[in-house]
Protein backbone atom coordinates (compact mmCIF):
# COMPACT_ATOMS: atom_id res chain seq x y z
CA MET A 1 174.08 74.27 -50.85
CA SER A 2 170.53 75.69 -51.02
CA GLN A 3 170.10 79.29 -49.94
CA LYS A 4 167.98 79.88 -46.84
CA LEU A 5 164.52 81.24 -47.65
CA PRO A 6 163.72 84.69 -46.22
CA LEU A 7 161.90 84.77 -42.89
CA ARG A 8 158.38 86.03 -43.54
CA ILE A 9 157.41 88.79 -41.09
CA ILE A 10 153.69 89.51 -41.07
CA LEU A 11 152.67 92.72 -39.28
CA ALA A 12 149.32 92.75 -37.51
CA GLN A 13 146.77 95.32 -38.67
CA PRO A 14 145.88 97.17 -36.51
CA ARG A 15 148.73 97.28 -33.99
CA GLY A 16 150.31 99.78 -31.62
CA PHE A 17 148.93 103.15 -30.59
CA CYS A 18 145.19 103.59 -30.20
CA ALA A 19 143.45 106.97 -30.39
CA GLY A 20 143.34 107.34 -26.59
CA VAL A 21 147.11 106.86 -26.32
CA VAL A 22 147.80 109.24 -29.22
CA ARG A 23 145.65 111.88 -27.50
CA ALA A 24 147.32 111.40 -24.09
CA ILE A 25 150.86 111.72 -25.48
CA GLU A 26 149.86 114.74 -27.56
CA ILE A 27 148.41 116.44 -24.46
CA VAL A 28 151.79 116.13 -22.68
CA GLU A 29 153.75 117.32 -25.74
CA ARG A 30 151.46 120.30 -26.40
CA ALA A 31 151.45 121.25 -22.72
CA LEU A 32 155.26 121.34 -22.80
CA GLN A 33 155.12 123.54 -25.91
CA LYS A 34 152.56 125.92 -24.44
CA TYR A 35 153.64 126.14 -20.79
CA GLY A 36 157.30 125.05 -20.95
CA ALA A 37 159.04 122.42 -18.83
CA PRO A 38 158.43 120.95 -16.41
CA VAL A 39 154.85 119.67 -16.53
CA TYR A 40 153.81 117.03 -14.00
CA VAL A 41 152.05 113.79 -14.96
CA ARG A 42 150.35 111.70 -12.30
CA HIS A 43 151.27 108.07 -13.02
CA GLU A 44 152.81 106.89 -16.31
CA ILE A 45 150.87 108.67 -19.07
CA VAL A 46 150.60 105.25 -20.78
CA HIS A 47 152.19 101.93 -19.86
CA ASN A 48 155.32 102.09 -21.99
CA LYS A 49 158.84 102.92 -20.76
CA HIS A 50 159.97 104.15 -24.19
CA VAL A 51 157.13 106.69 -24.32
CA VAL A 52 157.66 107.78 -20.70
CA ASP A 53 161.44 108.18 -21.16
CA SER A 54 160.90 110.17 -24.37
CA LEU A 55 158.54 112.57 -22.57
CA LYS A 56 160.90 112.82 -19.58
CA ALA A 57 163.64 113.93 -21.96
CA LYS A 58 161.35 116.74 -23.17
CA GLY A 59 160.65 117.94 -19.63
CA ALA A 60 157.74 115.89 -18.27
CA ARG A 61 157.99 114.79 -14.64
CA PHE A 62 156.14 111.64 -13.58
CA VAL A 63 154.82 111.29 -10.02
CA GLU A 64 152.53 108.84 -8.26
CA THR A 65 150.70 111.30 -5.99
CA VAL A 66 149.36 114.83 -6.37
CA SER A 67 151.21 115.79 -3.16
CA GLU A 68 154.51 115.48 -5.08
CA ILE A 69 153.49 118.24 -7.51
CA PRO A 70 154.79 121.78 -6.73
CA GLU A 71 152.41 124.73 -6.27
CA ASN A 72 150.87 126.08 -9.51
CA ALA A 73 152.60 123.43 -11.68
CA VAL A 74 150.75 122.22 -14.78
CA THR A 75 149.28 118.83 -13.86
CA ILE A 76 148.22 116.05 -16.23
CA PHE A 77 146.14 112.99 -15.36
CA SER A 78 147.11 109.81 -17.26
CA ALA A 79 145.08 108.02 -19.94
CA HIS A 80 143.92 105.43 -17.38
CA GLY A 81 141.80 107.94 -15.44
CA VAL A 82 141.87 108.90 -11.75
CA ALA A 83 139.63 108.68 -8.73
CA LYS A 84 137.44 111.63 -7.73
CA SER A 85 139.59 112.08 -4.60
CA VAL A 86 142.62 112.75 -6.85
CA GLU A 87 140.67 115.37 -8.83
CA GLU A 88 139.49 116.98 -5.58
CA GLU A 89 143.03 117.06 -4.13
CA ALA A 90 144.35 118.80 -7.26
CA SER A 91 141.41 121.21 -7.29
CA GLY A 92 141.83 121.97 -3.59
CA ARG A 93 145.45 122.96 -4.21
CA GLY A 94 144.46 125.10 -7.20
CA LEU A 95 146.63 123.11 -9.61
CA PRO A 96 145.98 123.78 -13.32
CA VAL A 97 144.88 120.35 -14.58
CA LEU A 98 144.79 118.84 -18.07
CA ASN A 99 142.87 115.58 -18.13
CA ALA A 100 144.33 112.98 -20.53
CA THR A 101 141.87 110.27 -19.46
CA CYS A 102 140.86 108.26 -22.53
CA PRO A 103 137.34 109.31 -23.59
CA LEU A 104 136.32 105.63 -23.64
CA VAL A 105 137.39 105.32 -19.98
CA THR A 106 135.38 108.46 -19.15
CA LYS A 107 132.40 106.85 -20.90
CA VAL A 108 132.72 103.83 -18.56
CA HIS A 109 132.83 106.18 -15.54
CA ASN A 110 129.64 107.90 -16.71
CA GLN A 111 127.87 104.59 -17.34
CA GLY A 112 128.76 103.43 -13.83
CA LYS A 113 127.48 106.65 -12.27
CA ARG A 114 124.19 106.33 -14.18
CA TYR A 115 123.64 102.74 -13.03
CA VAL A 116 124.35 103.64 -9.38
CA ALA A 117 121.95 106.61 -9.65
CA GLN A 118 119.29 104.10 -10.76
CA GLY A 119 119.79 102.25 -7.47
CA ARG A 120 121.65 99.30 -8.98
CA THR A 121 124.51 97.38 -7.39
CA LEU A 122 127.48 98.00 -9.68
CA ILE A 123 129.79 95.18 -10.78
CA LEU A 124 133.09 96.06 -12.47
CA ILE A 125 134.76 93.44 -14.66
CA GLY A 126 138.48 94.14 -14.52
CA HIS A 127 141.93 93.45 -13.08
CA SER A 128 142.52 94.26 -9.41
CA GLY A 129 145.23 96.88 -8.94
CA HIS A 130 145.13 98.19 -12.51
CA PRO A 131 145.18 102.03 -12.50
CA GLU A 132 142.08 102.18 -14.70
CA VAL A 133 140.15 99.98 -12.27
CA GLU A 134 141.31 102.07 -9.29
CA GLY A 135 140.26 105.24 -11.11
CA THR A 136 136.86 103.83 -12.07
CA VAL A 137 136.09 102.59 -8.54
CA GLY A 138 137.13 106.00 -7.21
CA GLN A 139 134.80 107.81 -9.62
CA ILE A 140 131.66 106.01 -8.42
CA SER A 141 129.86 107.33 -5.33
CA GLY A 142 128.79 103.97 -4.01
CA PRO A 143 130.15 100.45 -3.54
CA VAL A 144 131.63 98.76 -6.60
CA VAL A 145 132.07 94.97 -6.68
CA LEU A 146 135.09 93.81 -8.71
CA VAL A 147 134.98 90.49 -10.57
CA GLN A 148 137.96 89.10 -12.47
CA THR A 149 136.81 85.57 -13.35
CA GLU A 150 133.69 83.48 -13.89
CA GLU A 151 134.42 81.86 -10.51
CA ASP A 152 134.19 85.29 -8.86
CA VAL A 153 130.62 85.60 -10.15
CA GLU A 154 129.61 82.41 -8.34
CA LYS A 155 130.98 83.80 -5.04
CA LEU A 156 129.07 87.10 -5.20
CA ASP A 157 127.04 87.79 -2.07
CA ILE A 158 124.22 89.63 -3.86
CA PRO A 159 120.58 88.45 -3.95
CA ILE A 160 119.67 86.99 -7.38
CA ASP A 161 116.70 89.37 -7.73
CA ALA A 162 118.64 92.50 -6.74
CA PRO A 163 118.88 95.18 -9.45
CA VAL A 164 122.48 95.02 -10.67
CA ALA A 165 124.57 96.48 -13.52
CA TYR A 166 128.01 95.75 -14.90
CA ILE A 167 130.72 97.81 -16.58
CA THR A 168 134.10 96.64 -17.89
CA GLN A 169 137.71 97.78 -17.92
CA THR A 170 138.41 99.15 -21.41
CA THR A 171 141.53 97.03 -21.98
CA LEU A 172 139.36 93.90 -21.91
CA SER A 173 137.71 92.88 -25.17
CA VAL A 174 134.29 91.43 -25.93
CA ASP A 175 135.97 88.00 -26.02
CA ASP A 176 137.66 88.54 -22.64
CA THR A 177 134.42 89.46 -20.89
CA ARG A 178 131.86 87.32 -22.73
CA GLY A 179 132.01 84.36 -20.33
CA ILE A 180 131.79 86.55 -17.22
CA ILE A 181 128.86 88.54 -18.64
CA GLU A 182 127.01 85.31 -19.52
CA LYS A 183 127.48 84.07 -15.93
CA LEU A 184 126.19 87.36 -14.55
CA GLU A 185 123.14 87.27 -16.83
CA GLN A 186 122.41 83.67 -15.82
CA ARG A 187 122.68 84.51 -12.13
CA PHE A 188 120.76 87.79 -11.86
CA SER A 189 117.18 88.34 -12.99
CA ASP A 190 117.43 92.16 -13.17
CA ILE A 191 120.74 93.05 -14.83
CA VAL A 192 121.82 95.70 -17.33
CA GLY A 193 125.13 96.58 -18.95
CA PRO A 194 126.62 98.57 -21.83
CA GLU A 195 126.07 97.53 -25.42
CA MET A 196 128.85 95.46 -26.99
CA ARG A 197 129.74 98.37 -29.30
CA ASP A 198 130.61 100.45 -26.20
CA ILE A 199 133.54 98.16 -25.38
CA CYS A 200 136.91 99.56 -26.46
CA TYR A 201 137.25 99.15 -30.22
CA ALA A 202 141.09 99.18 -30.07
CA THR A 203 141.37 96.24 -27.69
CA GLN A 204 138.92 94.18 -29.74
CA ASN A 205 140.60 94.99 -33.07
CA ARG A 206 144.12 94.15 -31.85
CA GLN A 207 143.00 90.85 -30.39
CA ALA A 208 141.16 89.91 -33.59
CA ALA A 209 144.32 90.67 -35.58
CA VAL A 210 146.39 88.34 -33.38
CA ARG A 211 143.86 85.53 -33.86
CA GLU A 212 144.17 86.02 -37.62
CA LEU A 213 147.99 86.14 -37.40
CA SER A 214 148.02 82.85 -35.51
CA ARG A 215 146.53 81.09 -38.54
CA GLN A 216 149.44 82.24 -40.72
CA VAL A 217 152.64 82.17 -38.64
CA ASP A 218 154.91 79.88 -36.61
CA VAL A 219 155.78 82.39 -33.86
CA ILE A 220 154.15 85.58 -32.54
CA LEU A 221 156.08 88.52 -31.07
CA VAL A 222 154.17 91.16 -29.12
CA VAL A 223 155.92 94.48 -28.51
CA GLY A 224 154.72 96.00 -25.26
CA ALA A 225 155.44 96.67 -21.60
CA LYS A 226 155.26 93.94 -18.95
CA ASN A 227 152.75 96.08 -16.99
CA SER A 228 150.53 96.67 -20.04
CA SER A 229 147.27 94.74 -19.60
CA ASN A 230 146.37 94.74 -23.29
CA SER A 231 149.89 93.68 -24.39
CA ASN A 232 149.90 90.72 -22.00
CA ARG A 233 146.52 89.66 -23.31
CA LEU A 234 147.77 89.69 -26.93
CA ARG A 235 150.54 87.27 -25.95
CA GLU A 236 148.05 85.06 -24.07
CA ILE A 237 145.78 84.90 -27.13
CA GLY A 238 148.69 83.75 -29.27
CA LEU A 239 149.48 81.01 -26.74
CA GLU A 240 145.80 79.99 -26.55
CA THR A 241 145.86 79.32 -30.30
CA GLY A 242 148.86 77.02 -29.83
CA ILE A 243 151.48 79.38 -31.31
CA PRO A 244 154.68 80.14 -29.33
CA SER A 245 154.19 83.79 -28.34
CA TYR A 246 156.52 86.22 -26.57
CA LEU A 247 156.07 89.67 -25.03
CA ILE A 248 159.11 91.92 -25.50
CA ALA A 249 159.65 95.53 -24.48
CA ASP A 250 161.90 96.17 -27.50
CA SER A 251 164.37 94.49 -29.86
CA SER A 252 166.96 93.99 -27.09
CA GLU A 253 164.75 91.28 -25.58
CA LEU A 254 164.47 89.23 -28.78
CA LYS A 255 166.04 85.77 -28.43
CA PRO A 256 167.30 84.30 -31.75
CA GLU A 257 166.33 80.75 -30.70
CA TRP A 258 162.65 81.76 -30.69
CA VAL A 259 162.70 82.20 -34.46
CA GLN A 260 165.57 80.00 -35.66
CA ASP A 261 163.27 77.23 -36.95
CA ALA A 262 160.40 79.53 -37.98
CA ARG A 263 159.46 80.22 -41.58
CA SER A 264 157.08 83.03 -40.59
CA VAL A 265 156.80 85.40 -37.61
CA GLY A 266 153.77 87.48 -36.66
CA LEU A 267 154.57 90.87 -35.16
CA THR A 268 152.15 93.09 -33.26
CA ALA A 269 152.24 95.77 -30.56
CA GLY A 270 150.11 96.74 -27.59
CA ALA A 271 148.02 99.91 -27.67
CA SER A 272 150.70 101.94 -25.86
CA ALA A 273 153.73 100.71 -27.86
CA PRO A 274 155.11 103.10 -30.53
CA GLU A 275 155.76 101.93 -34.09
CA VAL A 276 159.47 102.75 -33.79
CA LEU A 277 159.81 99.76 -31.43
CA VAL A 278 158.16 97.49 -34.00
CA GLU A 279 160.62 98.75 -36.62
CA GLY A 280 163.47 97.97 -34.21
CA VAL A 281 162.31 94.35 -33.93
CA ILE A 282 162.12 94.06 -37.72
CA ASP A 283 165.72 95.35 -37.93
CA ALA A 284 166.83 92.84 -35.27
CA LEU A 285 165.22 89.97 -37.19
CA ALA A 286 166.87 91.20 -40.40
CA ARG A 287 170.26 90.99 -38.69
CA LEU A 288 169.65 87.26 -38.16
CA GLY A 289 169.07 86.62 -41.88
CA PRO A 290 167.02 87.70 -44.89
CA VAL A 291 163.46 88.82 -44.19
CA GLU A 292 160.36 89.60 -46.20
CA VAL A 293 157.82 91.96 -44.58
CA SER A 294 154.10 92.13 -45.32
CA VAL A 295 151.07 93.57 -43.55
CA LEU A 296 148.00 91.57 -42.58
CA ASP A 297 144.75 92.62 -44.19
CA GLY A 298 142.94 94.13 -41.23
CA ARG A 299 140.73 96.88 -39.93
CA LYS A 300 142.02 100.41 -40.50
CA GLU A 301 141.35 102.66 -37.52
CA THR A 302 140.47 106.27 -38.34
CA ILE A 303 139.00 107.42 -35.02
CA GLU A 304 140.52 110.53 -33.40
CA PHE A 305 139.70 112.04 -30.01
CA ARG A 306 139.46 115.80 -29.47
CA LEU A 307 142.14 117.54 -27.40
CA PRO A 308 141.30 119.78 -24.41
CA ALA A 309 140.21 123.20 -25.70
CA GLU A 310 143.20 125.03 -24.17
CA LEU A 311 145.61 122.89 -26.23
CA ALA A 312 143.68 122.68 -29.49
CA SER A 313 145.47 125.62 -31.13
CA VAL A 314 149.00 124.87 -29.88
């Protein structure tokens, strides 16, 4: 009887944590070290239950509104960013605030403010209800029009010669937004937007890695939370290339039948999923039979974002 060949596991490169997520988690951990528990975080610091539970165990408390935070308690805003009204509420109560908003999200806020100051109608390409979108809309002192699809562009009630500008949610890549941007540029005669290089590098790199994986594997597994926009998109990209693709929170959600006929499995993780969860999936696959692990040739990310000054020396 011939011995079964090892299942080839190819790890996407890059995968998992981006610099904005690393910075946000480090802000919570350093705040706990410096000020002691509890510290209060408005909204999940990043969209990953494993990360949130780990920080809870260290003394972080997660709330959805500033009103839930006790007087004088150290307050942290999540990586997704918050509306100006949230900042003002915290300031009005004199809460000591550490802002873990991703610097790339802050850059989008500043771009939007500049465009509105120029008298342009601002269009935001993003997902309705996503915390980053709610934060961005709430940072702009003026109306913001949200578009999610190319069809939404056709329904816009804005004169074609009106001065307009667009910005995009950071968890959308160049590929995600290209069609919508083209429609906007076809429709409006006076339109400006950020340069392509301003779009989140991490989202673009992770999506490119999944496209490359899809050329080499029979199945793709994406480790990430169900409410993580960028993780869902990685799974969708796998499916778009014709490869069976599954989003799992951790190894407990792996179904053996997904891989039983596969010779190779591609494994990646959303920008808020820690590497320990990827290792757990590798271990789960190894329990099903022999495996052989390799890493895709891909872009190495070296970018780091500076911490708030009061935490830099902790």
